[in-house]
Amino acid sequence: MRHRKEGKKFNRKTGARRSFLRNLVGDVVRHGKIETTEARAKALRPLVEHLVTIAKRGDLASRRILLRRLHNKNVVERLLDEVGPRYADRKGGYMRVLKLGKTRKRDGVRLARLEFV
């Protein structure tokens, strides 16, 4: 039973799921927005928001935490230099999930856009 279990599995094993979500987080930070499925967008939003909260501190410890979680130096630098200071005076809610009202042609999955506020 999956009672009280957080998050979606996306039909992947643990390592593949972590890598998949890590790459999606990197894409969101790199491009500012991505168009993906609603389920993926809803799963990504709390991850990205937590990383932005860590990046707002901007110290060495935050840099090391972000590098450990993202494995991408360019994404971490963007988080610390651009995204963190932009939301310095905001308490939370850095991401927005917009349901696009269209479906993916091959499998009919509803699409959404995940973007920074």
PDB file of N, CA and C in Angstrom:
ATOM      1  N   MET A   1       0.833  -1.193   0.000  1.00  0.00           N
ATOM      2  CA  MET A   1       0.000   0.000   0.000  1.00  0.00           C
ATOM      3  C   MET A   1       0.874   1.251   0.000  1.00  0.00           C
ATOM      4  N   ARG A   2       0.422   2.284  -0.687  1.00  0.00           N
ATOM      5  CA  ARG A   2       1.188   3.530  -0.771  1.00  0.00           C
ATOM      6  C   ARG A   2       0.584   4.617   0.104  1.00  0.00           C
ATOM      7  N   HIS A   3      -0.024   4.258   1.187  1.00  0.00           N
ATOM      8  CA  HIS A   3      -0.641   5.262   2.040  1.00  0.00           C
ATOM      9  C   HIS A   3       0.407   6.234   2.563  1.00  0.00           C
ATOM     10  N   ARG A   4       0.093   7.514   2.484  1.00  0.00           N
ATOM     11  CA  ARG A   4       0.928   8.603   3.009  1.00  0.00           C
ATOM     12  C   ARG A   4       2.303   8.670   2.346  1.00  0.00           C
ATOM     13  N   LYS A   5       2.409   8.237   1.109  1.00  0.00           N
ATOM     14  CA  LYS A   5       3.663   8.330   0.372  1.00  0.00           C
ATOM     15  C   LYS A   5       3.605   9.553  -0.530  1.00  0.00           C
ATOM     16  N   GLU A   6       4.647  10.351  -0.495  1.00  0.00           N
ATOM     17  CA  GLU A   6       4.691  11.582  -1.266  1.00  0.00           C
ATOM     18  C   GLU A   6       5.249  11.325  -2.659  1.00  0.00           C
ATOM     19  N   GLY A   7       4.752  12.028  -3.625  1.00  0.00           N
ATOM     20  CA  GLY A   7       5.350  12.053  -4.945  1.00  0.00           C
ATOM     21  C   GLY A   7       4.908  10.938  -5.868  1.00  0.00           C
ATOM     22  N   LYS A   8       5.119  11.182  -7.149  1.00  0.00           N
ATOM     23  CA  LYS A   8       4.788  10.221  -8.196  1.00  0.00           C
ATOM     24  C   LYS A   8       6.017   9.372  -8.505  1.00  0.00           C
ATOM     25  N   LYS A   9       5.768   8.176  -9.029  1.00  0.00           N
ATOM     26  CA  LYS A   9       6.866   7.292  -9.403  1.00  0.00           C
ATOM     27  C   LYS A   9       7.229   7.414 -10.872  1.00  0.00           C
ATOM     28  N   PHE A  10       6.307   7.839 -11.712  1.00  0.00           N
ATOM     29  CA  PHE A  10       6.528   8.006 -13.149  1.00  0.00           C
ATOM     30  C   PHE A  10       7.010   6.723 -13.812  1.00  0.00           C
ATOM     31  N   ASN A  11       6.635   5.581 -13.259  1.00  0.00           N
ATOM     32  CA  ASN A  11       6.960   4.271 -13.821  1.00  0.00           C
ATOM     33  C   ASN A  11       8.467   4.095 -14.017  1.00  0.00           C
ATOM     34  N   ARG A  12       9.252   4.611 -13.056  1.00  0.00           N
ATOM     35  CA  ARG A  12      10.709   4.496 -13.118  1.00  0.00           C
ATOM     36  C   ARG A  12      11.241   3.992 -11.786  1.00  0.00           C
ATOM     37  N   LYS A  13      12.412   3.397 -11.840  1.00  0.00           N
ATOM     38  CA  LYS A  13      13.081   3.019 -10.603  1.00  0.00           C
ATOM     39  C   LYS A  13      13.706   4.257  -9.979  1.00  0.00           C
ATOM     40  N   THR A  14      14.163   4.136  -8.748  1.00  0.00           N
ATOM     41  CA  THR A  14      14.583   5.292  -7.968  1.00  0.00           C
ATOM     42  C   THR A  14      15.658   6.116  -8.656  1.00  0.00           C
ATOM     43  N   GLY A  15      16.731   5.491  -9.101  1.00  0.00           N
ATOM     44  CA  GLY A  15      17.828   6.231  -9.711  1.00  0.00           C
ATOM     45  C   GLY A  15      17.410   6.938 -10.983  1.00  0.00           C
ATOM     46  N   ALA A  16      16.652   6.245 -11.815  1.00  0.00           N
ATOM     47  CA  ALA A  16      16.195   6.849 -13.066  1.00  0.00           C
ATOM     48  C   ALA A  16      15.247   8.004 -12.789  1.00  0.00           C
ATOM     49  N   ARG A  17      14.396   7.869 -11.776  1.00  0.00           N
ATOM     50  CA  ARG A  17      13.454   8.935 -11.428  1.00  0.00           C
ATOM     51  C   ARG A  17      14.187  10.164 -10.906  1.00  0.00           C
ATOM     52  N   ARG A  18      15.184   9.954 -10.063  1.00  0.00           N
ATOM     53  CA  ARG A  18      15.950  11.094  -9.549  1.00  0.00           C
ATOM     54  C   ARG A  18      16.661  11.827 -10.671  1.00  0.00           C
ATOM     55  N   SER A  19      17.266  11.078 -11.575  1.00  0.00           N
ATOM     56  CA  SER A  19      17.965  11.673 -12.703  1.00  0.00           C
ATOM     57  C   SER A  19      16.996  12.428 -13.614  1.00  0.00           C
ATOM     58  N   PHE A  20      15.851  11.833 -13.858  1.00  0.00           N
ATOM     59  CA  PHE A  20      14.806  12.435 -14.688  1.00  0.00           C
ATOM     60  C   PHE A  20      14.349  13.768 -14.094  1.00  0.00           C
ATOM     61  N   LEU A  21      14.049  13.785 -12.797  1.00  0.00           N
ATOM     62  CA  LEU A  21      13.600  15.015 -12.146  1.00  0.00           C
ATOM     63  C   LEU A  21      14.721  16.041 -12.065  1.00  0.00           C
ATOM     64  N   ARG A  22      15.952  15.577 -11.846  1.00  0.00           N
ATOM     65  CA  ARG A  22      17.096  16.486 -11.784  1.00  0.00           C
ATOM     66  C   ARG A  22      17.279  17.198 -13.124  1.00  0.00           C
ATOM     67  N   ASN A  23      17.140  16.464 -14.216  1.00  0.00           N
ATOM     68  CA  ASN A  23      17.282  17.066 -15.539  1.00  0.00           C
ATOM     69  C   ASN A  23      16.152  18.050 -15.828  1.00  0.00           C
ATOM     70  N   LEU A  24      14.929  17.716 -15.411  1.00  0.00           N
ATOM     71  CA  LEU A  24      13.814  18.638 -15.616  1.00  0.00           C
ATOM     72  C   LEU A  24      13.998  19.913 -14.806  1.00  0.00           C
ATOM     73  N   VAL A  25      14.481  19.784 -13.567  1.00  0.00           N
ATOM     74  CA  VAL A  25      14.750  20.972 -12.737  1.00  0.00           C
ATOM     75  C   VAL A  25      15.801  21.841 -13.414  1.00  0.00           C
ATOM     76  N   GLY A  26      16.842  21.213 -13.947  1.00  0.00           N
ATOM     77  CA  GLY A  26      17.876  21.970 -14.652  1.00  0.00           C
ATOM     78  C   GLY A  26      17.320  22.709 -15.852  1.00  0.00           C
ATOM     79  N   ASP A  27      16.406  22.072 -16.587  1.00  0.00           N
ATOM     80  CA  ASP A  27      15.789  22.730 -17.735  1.00  0.00           C
ATOM     81  C   ASP A  27      14.950  23.929 -17.314  1.00  0.00           C
ATOM     82  N   VAL A  28      14.210  23.792 -16.217  1.00  0.00           N
ATOM     83  CA  VAL A  28      13.387  24.907 -15.733  1.00  0.00           C
ATOM     84  C   VAL A  28      14.271  26.081 -15.353  1.00  0.00           C
ATOM     85  N   VAL A  29      15.347  25.807 -14.631  1.00  0.00           N
ATOM     86  CA  VAL A  29      16.235  26.892 -14.197  1.00  0.00           C
ATOM     87  C   VAL A  29      16.942  27.512 -15.393  1.00  0.00           C
ATOM     88  N   ARG A  30      17.374  26.689 -16.325  1.00  0.00           N
ATOM     89  CA  ARG A  30      18.116  27.175 -17.487  1.00  0.00           C
ATOM     90  C   ARG A  30      17.255  28.040 -18.401  1.00  0.00           C
ATOM     91  N   HIS A  31      16.019  27.613 -18.665  1.00  0.00           N
ATOM     92  CA  HIS A  31      15.180  28.291 -19.638  1.00  0.00           C
ATOM     93  C   HIS A  31      14.125  29.200 -19.016  1.00  0.00           C
ATOM     94  N   GLY A  32      13.881  29.071 -17.723  1.00  0.00           N
ATOM     95  CA  GLY A  32      12.879  29.905 -17.072  1.00  0.00           C
ATOM     96  C   GLY A  32      11.481  29.326 -17.133  1.00  0.00           C
ATOM     97  N   LYS A  33      11.216  28.453 -18.085  1.00  0.00           N
ATOM     98  CA  LYS A  33       9.908  27.801 -18.200  1.00  0.00           C
ATOM     99  C   LYS A  33      10.068  26.565 -19.073  1.00  0.00           C
ATOM    100  N   ILE A  34       9.197  25.582 -18.848  1.00  0.00           N
ATOM    101  CA  ILE A  34       9.163  24.409 -19.702  1.00  0.00           C
ATOM    102  C   ILE A  34       7.711  24.006 -19.909  1.00  0.00           C
ATOM    103  N   GLU A  35       7.475  23.337 -21.005  1.00  0.00           N
ATOM    104  CA  GLU A  35       6.156  22.794 -21.298  1.00  0.00           C
ATOM    105  C   GLU A  35       6.248  21.288 -21.152  1.00  0.00           C
ATOM    106  N   THR A  36       5.463  20.742 -20.246  1.00  0.00           N
ATOM    107  CA  THR A  36       5.518  19.322 -19.933  1.00  0.00           C
ATOM    108  C   THR A  36       4.129  18.847 -19.532  1.00  0.00           C
ATOM    109  N   THR A  37       4.020  17.633 -19.047  1.00  0.00           N
ATOM    110  CA  THR A  37       2.713  17.134 -18.635  1.00  0.00           C
ATOM    111  C   THR A  37       2.326  17.729 -17.290  1.00  0.00           C
ATOM    112  N   GLU A  38       1.031  17.716 -16.990  1.00  0.00           N
ATOM    113  CA  GLU A  38       0.565  18.271 -15.720  1.00  0.00           C
ATOM    114  C   GLU A  38       1.166  17.528 -14.535  1.00  0.00           C
ATOM    115  N   ALA A  39       1.249  16.214 -14.609  1.00  0.00           N
ATOM    116  CA  ALA A  39       1.775  15.430 -13.496  1.00  0.00           C
ATOM    117  C   ALA A  39       3.238  15.772 -13.237  1.00  0.00           C
ATOM    118  N   ARG A  40       4.010  15.912 -14.299  1.00  0.00           N
ATOM    119  CA  ARG A  40       5.421  16.263 -14.131  1.00  0.00           C
ATOM    120  C   ARG A  40       5.562  17.666 -13.562  1.00  0.00           C
ATOM    121  N   ALA A  41       4.765  18.600 -14.044  1.00  0.00           N
ATOM    122  CA  ALA A  41       4.836  19.975 -13.555  1.00  0.00           C
ATOM    123  C   ALA A  41       4.481  20.053 -12.072  1.00  0.00           C
ATOM    124  N   LYS A  42       3.459  19.305 -11.682  1.00  0.00           N
ATOM    125  CA  LYS A  42       3.053  19.320 -10.273  1.00  0.00           C
ATOM    126  C   LYS A  42       4.107  18.671  -9.379  1.00  0.00           C
ATOM    127  N   ALA A  43       4.814  17.687  -9.895  1.00  0.00           N
ATOM    128  CA  ALA A  43       5.866  17.044  -9.108  1.00  0.00           C
ATOM    129  C   ALA A  43       7.118  17.914  -9.038  1.00  0.00           C
ATOM    130  N   LEU A  44       7.376  18.699 -10.083  1.00  0.00           N
ATOM    131  CA  LEU A  44       8.582  19.528 -10.137  1.00  0.00           C
ATOM    132  C   LEU A  44       8.479  20.785  -9.289  1.00  0.00           C
ATOM    133  N   ARG A  45       7.294  21.357  -9.195  1.00  0.00           N
ATOM    134  CA  ARG A  45       7.147  22.654  -8.539  1.00  0.00           C
ATOM    135  C   ARG A  45       7.732  22.691  -7.128  1.00  0.00           C
ATOM    136  N   PRO A  46       7.398  21.753  -6.229  1.00  0.00           N
ATOM    137  CA  PRO A  46       8.001  21.848  -4.896  1.00  0.00           C
ATOM    138  C   PRO A  46       9.512  21.648  -4.902  1.00  0.00           C
ATOM    139  N   LEU A  47      10.031  20.851  -5.814  1.00  0.00           N
ATOM    140  CA  LEU A  47      11.481  20.652  -5.884  1.00  0.00           C
ATOM    141  C   LEU A  47      12.192  21.950  -6.256  1.00  0.00           C
ATOM    142  N   VAL A  48      11.691  22.610  -7.295  1.00  0.00           N
ATOM    143  CA  VAL A  48      12.320  23.853  -7.750  1.00  0.00           C
ATOM    144  C   VAL A  48      12.183  24.938  -6.685  1.00  0.00           C
ATOM    145  N   GLU A  49      11.021  25.033  -6.055  1.00  0.00           N
ATOM    146  CA  GLU A  49      10.819  26.065  -5.045  1.00  0.00           C
ATOM    147  C   GLU A  49      11.761  25.866  -3.861  1.00  0.00           C
ATOM    148  N   HIS A  50      11.993  24.624  -3.473  1.00  0.00           N
ATOM    149  CA  HIS A  50      12.913  24.374  -2.366  1.00  0.00           C
ATOM    150  C   HIS A  50      14.341  24.761  -2.749  1.00  0.00           C
ATOM    151  N   LEU A  51      14.740  24.481  -3.985  1.00  0.00           N
ATOM    152  CA  LEU A  51      16.081  24.847  -4.433  1.00  0.00           C
ATOM    153  C   LEU A  51      16.249  26.366  -4.505  1.00  0.00           C
ATOM    154  N   VAL A  52      15.203  27.082  -4.898  1.00  0.00           N
ATOM    155  CA  VAL A  52      15.273  28.545  -4.926  1.00  0.00           C
ATOM    156  C   VAL A  52      15.415  29.083  -3.507  1.00  0.00           C
ATOM    157  N   THR A  53      14.708  28.484  -2.565  1.00  0.00           N
ATOM    158  CA  THR A  53      14.821  28.910  -1.166  1.00  0.00           C
ATOM    159  C   THR A  53      16.243  28.714  -0.658  1.00  0.00           C
ATOM    160  N   ILE A  54      16.871  27.611  -1.026  1.00  0.00           N
ATOM    161  CA  ILE A  54      18.265  27.384  -0.642  1.00  0.00           C
ATOM    162  C   ILE A  54      19.175  28.395  -1.330  1.00  0.00           C
ATOM    163  N   ALA A  55      18.909  28.687  -2.599  1.00  0.00           N
ATOM    164  CA  ALA A  55      19.749  29.620  -3.365  1.00  0.00           C
ATOM    165  C   ALA A  55      19.643  31.046  -2.847  1.00  0.00           C
ATOM    166  N   LYS A  56      18.539  31.384  -2.201  1.00  0.00           N
ATOM    167  CA  LYS A  56      18.378  32.745  -1.681  1.00  0.00           C
ATOM    168  C   LYS A  56      19.412  33.077  -0.614  1.00  0.00           C
ATOM    169  N   ARG A  57      19.879  32.068   0.111  1.00  0.00           N
ATOM    170  CA  ARG A  57      20.897  32.328   1.140  1.00  0.00           C
ATOM    171  C   ARG A  57      22.207  32.766   0.510  1.00  0.00           C
ATOM    172  N   GLY A  58      22.597  32.099  -0.568  1.00  0.00           N
ATOM    173  CA  GLY A  58      23.742  32.537  -1.355  1.00  0.00           C
ATOM    174  C   GLY A  58      25.111  32.293  -0.746  1.00  0.00           C
ATOM    175  N   ASP A  59      25.241  31.474   0.289  1.00  0.00           N
ATOM    176  CA  ASP A  59      26.547  31.241   0.889  1.00  0.00           C
ATOM    177  C   ASP A  59      27.183  29.978   0.314  1.00  0.00           C
ATOM    178  N   LEU A  60      28.360  29.654   0.817  1.00  0.00           N
ATOM    179  CA  LEU A  60      29.094  28.495   0.313  1.00  0.00           C
ATOM    180  C   LEU A  60      28.365  27.198   0.609  1.00  0.00           C
ATOM    181  N   ALA A  61      27.761  27.105   1.772  1.00  0.00           N
ATOM    182  CA  ALA A  61      27.031  25.892   2.132  1.00  0.00           C
ATOM    183  C   ALA A  61      25.866  25.659   1.169  1.00  0.00           C
ATOM    184  N   SER A  62      25.169  26.727   0.792  1.00  0.00           N
ATOM    185  CA  SER A  62      24.071  26.590  -0.165  1.00  0.00           C
ATOM    186  C   SER A  62      24.586  26.119  -1.515  1.00  0.00           C
ATOM    187  N   ARG A  63      25.708  26.674  -1.939  1.00  0.00           N
ATOM    188  CA  ARG A  63      26.297  26.269  -3.218  1.00  0.00           C
ATOM    189  C   ARG A  63      26.606  24.779  -3.205  1.00  0.00           C
ATOM    190  N   ARG A  64      27.153  24.289  -2.109  1.00  0.00           N
ATOM    191  CA  ARG A  64      27.513  22.877  -2.017  1.00  0.00           C
ATOM    192  C   ARG A  64      26.275  21.990  -1.983  1.00  0.00           C
ATOM    193  N   ILE A  65      25.239  22.421  -1.284  1.00  0.00           N
ATOM    194  CA  ILE A  65      23.981  21.662  -1.241  1.00  0.00           C
ATOM    195  C   ILE A  65      23.389  21.575  -2.646  1.00  0.00           C
ATOM    196  N   LEU A  66      23.356  22.706  -3.366  1.00  0.00           N
ATOM    197  CA  LEU A  66      22.791  22.727  -4.715  1.00  0.00           C
ATOM    198  C   LEU A  66      23.608  21.863  -5.677  1.00  0.00           C
ATOM    199  N   LEU A  67      24.929  21.925  -5.567  1.00  0.00           N
ATOM    200  CA  LEU A  67      25.770  21.087  -6.428  1.00  0.00           C
ATOM    201  C   LEU A  67      25.543  19.610  -6.145  1.00  0.00           C
ATOM    202  N   ARG A  68      25.339  19.275  -4.885  1.00  0.00           N
ATOM    203  CA  ARG A  68      25.109  17.876  -4.532  1.00  0.00           C
ATOM    204  C   ARG A  68      23.786  17.389  -5.105  1.00  0.00           C
ATOM    205  N   ARG A  69      22.791  18.272  -5.173  1.00  0.00           N
ATOM    206  CA  ARG A  69      21.479  17.855  -5.648  1.00  0.00           C
ATOM    207  C   ARG A  69      21.331  17.938  -7.164  1.00  0.00           C
ATOM    208  N   LEU A  70      22.000  18.880  -7.805  1.00  0.00           N
ATOM    209  CA  LEU A  70      21.765  19.110  -9.232  1.00  0.00           C
ATOM    210  C   LEU A  70      22.848  18.568 -10.150  1.00  0.00           C
ATOM    211  N   HIS A  71      24.087  18.416  -9.662  1.00  0.00           N
ATOM    212  CA  HIS A  71      25.181  17.863 -10.455  1.00  0.00           C
ATOM    213  C   HIS A  71      25.482  18.689 -11.698  1.00  0.00           C
ATOM    214  N   ASN A  72      25.177  19.984 -11.690  1.00  0.00           N
ATOM    215  CA  ASN A  72      25.419  20.818 -12.866  1.00  0.00           C
ATOM    216  C   ASN A  72      25.846  22.202 -12.403  1.00  0.00           C
ATOM    217  N   LYS A  73      27.101  22.526 -12.633  1.00  0.00           N
ATOM    218  CA  LYS A  73      27.667  23.776 -12.136  1.00  0.00           C
ATOM    219  C   LYS A  73      26.995  25.001 -12.759  1.00  0.00           C
ATOM    220  N   ASN A  74      26.667  24.938 -14.050  1.00  0.00           N
ATOM    221  CA  ASN A  74      26.050  26.081 -14.720  1.00  0.00           C
ATOM    222  C   ASN A  74      24.665  26.388 -14.142  1.00  0.00           C
ATOM    223  N   VAL A  75      23.893  25.354 -13.855  1.00  0.00           N
ATOM    224  CA  VAL A  75      22.556  25.545 -13.289  1.00  0.00           C
ATOM    225  C   VAL A  75      22.664  26.125 -11.886  1.00  0.00           C
ATOM    226  N   VAL A  76      23.622  25.638 -11.103  1.00  0.00           N
ATOM    227  CA  VAL A  76      23.805  26.148  -9.738  1.00  0.00           C
ATOM    228  C   VAL A  76      24.213  27.613  -9.776  1.00  0.00           C
ATOM    229  N   GLU A  77      25.102  27.979 -10.674  1.00  0.00           N
ATOM    230  CA  GLU A  77      25.523  29.377 -10.779  1.00  0.00           C
ATOM    231  C   GLU A  77      24.354  30.274 -11.170  1.00  0.00           C
ATOM    232  N   ARG A  78      23.522  29.799 -12.074  1.00  0.00           N
ATOM    233  CA  ARG A  78      22.352  30.589 -12.465  1.00  0.00           C
ATOM    234  C   ARG A  78      21.384  30.750 -11.291  1.00  0.00           C
ATOM    235  N   LEU A  79      21.196  29.686 -10.533  1.00  0.00           N
ATOM    236  CA  LEU A  79      20.323  29.764  -9.362  1.00  0.00           C
ATOM    237  C   LEU A  79      20.847  30.791  -8.365  1.00  0.00           C
ATOM    238  N   LEU A  80      22.146  30.731  -8.083  1.00  0.00           N
ATOM    239  CA  LEU A  80      22.717  31.616  -7.066  1.00  0.00           C
ATOM    240  C   LEU A  80      22.859  33.056  -7.541  1.00  0.00           C
ATOM    241  N   ASP A  81      23.199  33.257  -8.822  1.00  0.00           N
ATOM    242  CA  ASP A  81      23.475  34.610  -9.308  1.00  0.00           C
ATOM    243  C   ASP A  81      22.237  35.353  -9.790  1.00  0.00           C
ATOM    244  N   GLU A  82      21.276  34.646 -10.383  1.00  0.00           N
ATOM    245  CA  GLU A  82      20.125  35.328 -10.974  1.00  0.00           C
ATOM    246  C   GLU A  82      18.820  35.048 -10.242  1.00  0.00           C
ATOM    247  N   VAL A  83      18.505  33.775 -10.058  1.00  0.00           N
ATOM    248  CA  VAL A  83      17.190  33.410  -9.540  1.00  0.00           C
ATOM    249  C   VAL A  83      17.065  33.738  -8.054  1.00  0.00           C
ATOM    250  N   GLY A  84      18.072  33.394  -7.255  1.00  0.00           N
ATOM    251  CA  GLY A  84      18.021  33.648  -5.816  1.00  0.00           C
ATOM    252  C   GLY A  84      17.824  35.120  -5.473  1.00  0.00           C
ATOM    253  N   PRO A  85      18.667  36.015  -6.009  1.00  0.00           N
ATOM    254  CA  PRO A  85      18.485  37.441  -5.703  1.00  0.00           C
ATOM    255  C   PRO A  85      17.168  38.023  -6.224  1.00  0.00           C
ATOM    256  N   ARG A  86      16.635  37.472  -7.320  1.00  0.00           N
ATOM    257  CA  ARG A  86      15.382  37.988  -7.864  1.00  0.00           C
ATOM    258  C   ARG A  86      14.227  37.781  -6.891  1.00  0.00           C
ATOM    259  N   TYR A  87      14.271  36.685  -6.118  1.00  0.00           N
ATOM    260  CA  TYR A  87      13.193  36.373  -5.180  1.00  0.00           C
ATOM    261  C   TYR A  87      13.622  36.568  -3.731  1.00  0.00           C
ATOM    262  N   ALA A  88      14.582  37.447  -3.486  1.00  0.00           N
ATOM    263  CA  ALA A  88      15.130  37.626  -2.138  1.00  0.00           C
ATOM    264  C   ALA A  88      14.078  38.106  -1.140  1.00  0.00           C
ATOM    265  N   ASP A  89      13.150  38.948  -1.578  1.00  0.00           N
ATOM    266  CA  ASP A  89      12.163  39.485  -0.644  1.00  0.00           C
ATOM    267  C   ASP A  89      10.813  38.782  -0.755  1.00  0.00           C
ATOM    268  N   ARG A  90      10.764  37.663  -1.430  1.00  0.00           N
ATOM    269  CA  ARG A  90       9.522  36.900  -1.569  1.00  0.00           C
ATOM    270  C   ARG A  90       9.583  35.686  -0.656  1.00  0.00           C
ATOM    271  N   LYS A  91       8.505  35.413   0.061  1.00  0.00           N
ATOM    272  CA  LYS A  91       8.487  34.343   1.058  1.00  0.00           C
ATOM    273  C   LYS A  91       8.370  32.953   0.462  1.00  0.00           C
ATOM    274  N   GLY A  92       7.804  32.823  -0.704  1.00  0.00           N
ATOM    275  CA  GLY A  92       7.630  31.510  -1.319  1.00  0.00           C
ATOM    276  C   GLY A  92       6.752  31.653  -2.541  1.00  0.00           C
ATOM    277  N   GLY A  93       6.411  30.546  -3.156  1.00  0.00           N
ATOM    278  CA  GLY A  93       5.555  30.583  -4.334  1.00  0.00           C
ATOM    279  C   GLY A  93       6.264  31.164  -5.534  1.00  0.00           C
ATOM    280  N   TYR A  94       7.405  30.573  -5.893  1.00  0.00           N
ATOM    281  CA  TYR A  94       8.211  31.106  -6.990  1.00  0.00           C
ATOM    282  C   TYR A  94       7.796  30.550  -8.345  1.00  0.00           C
ATOM    283  N   MET A  95       7.043  29.461  -8.341  1.00  0.00           N
ATOM    284  CA  MET A  95       6.691  28.776  -9.583  1.00  0.00           C
ATOM    285  C   MET A  95       5.195  28.857  -9.846  1.00  0.00           C
ATOM    286  N   ARG A  96       4.842  28.786 -11.113  1.00  0.00           N
ATOM    287  CA  ARG A  96       3.440  28.808 -11.539  1.00  0.00           C
ATOM    288  C   ARG A  96       3.230  27.658 -12.509  1.00  0.00           C
ATOM    289  N   VAL A  97       2.145  26.900 -12.297  1.00  0.00           N
ATOM    290  CA  VAL A  97       1.766  25.828 -13.215  1.00  0.00           C
ATOM    291  C   VAL A  97       0.537  26.296 -13.979  1.00  0.00           C
ATOM    292  N   LEU A  98       0.692  26.505 -15.283  1.00  0.00           N
ATOM    293  CA  LEU A  98      -0.414  26.908 -16.141  1.00  0.00           C
ATOM    294  C   LEU A  98      -0.877  25.704 -16.940  1.00  0.00           C
ATOM    295  N   LYS A  99      -2.127  25.319 -16.782  1.00  0.00           N
ATOM    296  CA  LYS A  99      -2.665  24.216 -17.565  1.00  0.00           C
ATOM    297  C   LYS A  99      -3.004  24.753 -18.953  1.00  0.00           C
ATOM    298  N   LEU A 100      -2.440  24.154 -19.969  1.00  0.00           N
ATOM    299  CA  LEU A 100      -2.531  24.703 -21.321  1.00  0.00           C
ATOM    300  C   LEU A 100      -3.829  24.360 -22.037  1.00  0.00           C
ATOM    301  N   GLY A 101      -4.556  23.385 -21.574  1.00  0.00           N
ATOM    302  CA  GLY A 101      -5.814  23.038 -22.218  1.00  0.00           C
ATOM    303  C   GLY A 101      -5.645  22.306 -23.527  1.00  0.00           C
ATOM    304  N   LYS A 102      -4.454  21.769 -23.769  1.00  0.00           N
ATOM    305  CA  LYS A 102      -4.251  20.963 -24.965  1.00  0.00           C
ATOM    306  C   LYS A 102      -3.615  19.651 -24.545  1.00  0.00           C
ATOM    307  N   THR A 103      -3.686  18.677 -25.429  1.00  0.00           N
ATOM    308  CA  THR A 103      -3.152  17.367 -25.109  1.00  0.00           C
ATOM    309  C   THR A 103      -2.043  17.000 -26.076  1.00  0.00           C
ATOM    310  N   ARG A 104      -1.204  16.105 -25.635  1.00  0.00           N
ATOM    311  CA  ARG A 104      -0.144  15.594 -26.491  1.00  0.00           C
ATOM    312  C   ARG A 104      -0.767  14.631 -27.490  1.00  0.00           C
ATOM    313  N   LYS A 105      -0.379  14.760 -28.732  1.00  0.00           N
ATOM    314  CA  LYS A 105      -1.071  14.039 -29.800  1.00  0.00           C
ATOM    315  C   LYS A 105      -0.918  12.520 -29.698  1.00  0.00           C
ATOM    316  N   ARG A 106       0.269  12.053 -29.312  1.00  0.00           N
ATOM    317  CA  ARG A 106       0.503  10.610 -29.365  1.00  0.00           C
ATOM    318  C   ARG A 106      -0.202   9.831 -28.269  1.00  0.00           C
ATOM    319  N   ASP A 107      -0.401  10.423 -27.079  1.00  0.00           N
ATOM    320  CA  ASP A 107      -1.013   9.657 -26.000  1.00  0.00           C
ATOM    321  C   ASP A 107      -2.133  10.386 -25.270  1.00  0.00           C
ATOM    322  N   GLY A 108      -2.441  11.613 -25.657  1.00  0.00           N
ATOM    323  CA  GLY A 108      -3.580  12.315 -25.085  1.00  0.00           C
ATOM    324  C   GLY A 108      -3.370  12.858 -23.691  1.00  0.00           C
ATOM    325  N   VAL A 109      -2.129  12.977 -23.240  1.00  0.00           N
ATOM    326  CA  VAL A 109      -1.842  13.497 -21.907  1.00  0.00           C
ATOM    327  C   VAL A 109      -1.975  15.017 -21.924  1.00  0.00           C
ATOM    328  N   ARG A 110      -2.610  15.551 -20.867  1.00  0.00           N
ATOM    329  CA  ARG A 110      -2.789  17.006 -20.779  1.00  0.00           C
ATOM    330  C   ARG A 110      -1.454  17.692 -20.487  1.00  0.00           C
ATOM    331  N   LEU A 111      -1.227  18.831 -21.119  1.00  0.00           N
ATOM    332  CA  LEU A 111       0.022  19.553 -20.996  1.00  0.00           C
ATOM    333  C   LEU A 111      -0.121  20.768 -20.092  1.00  0.00           C
ATOM    334  N   ALA A 112       1.003  21.167 -19.501  1.00  0.00           N
ATOM    335  CA  ALA A 112       1.032  22.334 -18.640  1.00  0.00           C
ATOM    336  C   ALA A 112       2.379  23.030 -18.843  1.00  0.00           C
ATOM    337  N   ARG A 113       2.431  24.311 -18.475  1.00  0.00           N
ATOM    338  CA  ARG A 113       3.669  25.078 -18.535  1.00  0.00           C
ATOM    339  C   ARG A 113       4.073  25.408 -17.107  1.00  0.00           C
ATOM    340  N   LEU A 114       5.310  25.092 -16.767  1.00  0.00           N
ATOM    341  CA  LEU A 114       5.868  25.418 -15.462  1.00  0.00           C
ATOM    342  C   LEU A 114       6.823  26.575 -15.664  1.00  0.00           C
ATOM    343  N   GLU A 115       6.562  27.688 -14.971  1.00  0.00           N
ATOM    344  CA  GLU A 115       7.387  28.889 -15.169  1.00  0.00           C
ATOM    345  C   GLU A 115       7.566  29.627 -13.849  1.00  0.00           C
ATOM    346  N   PHE A 116       8.594  30.465 -13.816  1.00  0.00           N
ATOM    347  CA  PHE A 116       8.811  31.318 -12.650  1.00  0.00           C
ATOM    348  C   PHE A 116       7.791  32.431 -12.640  1.00  0.00           C
ATOM    349  N   VAL A 117       7.395  32.840 -11.450  1.00  0.00           N
ATOM    350  CA  VAL A 117       6.417  33.932 -11.297  1.00  0.00           C
ATOM    351  C   VAL A 117       7.095  35.248 -11.596  1.00  0.00           C
TER     352      VAL A 117
END
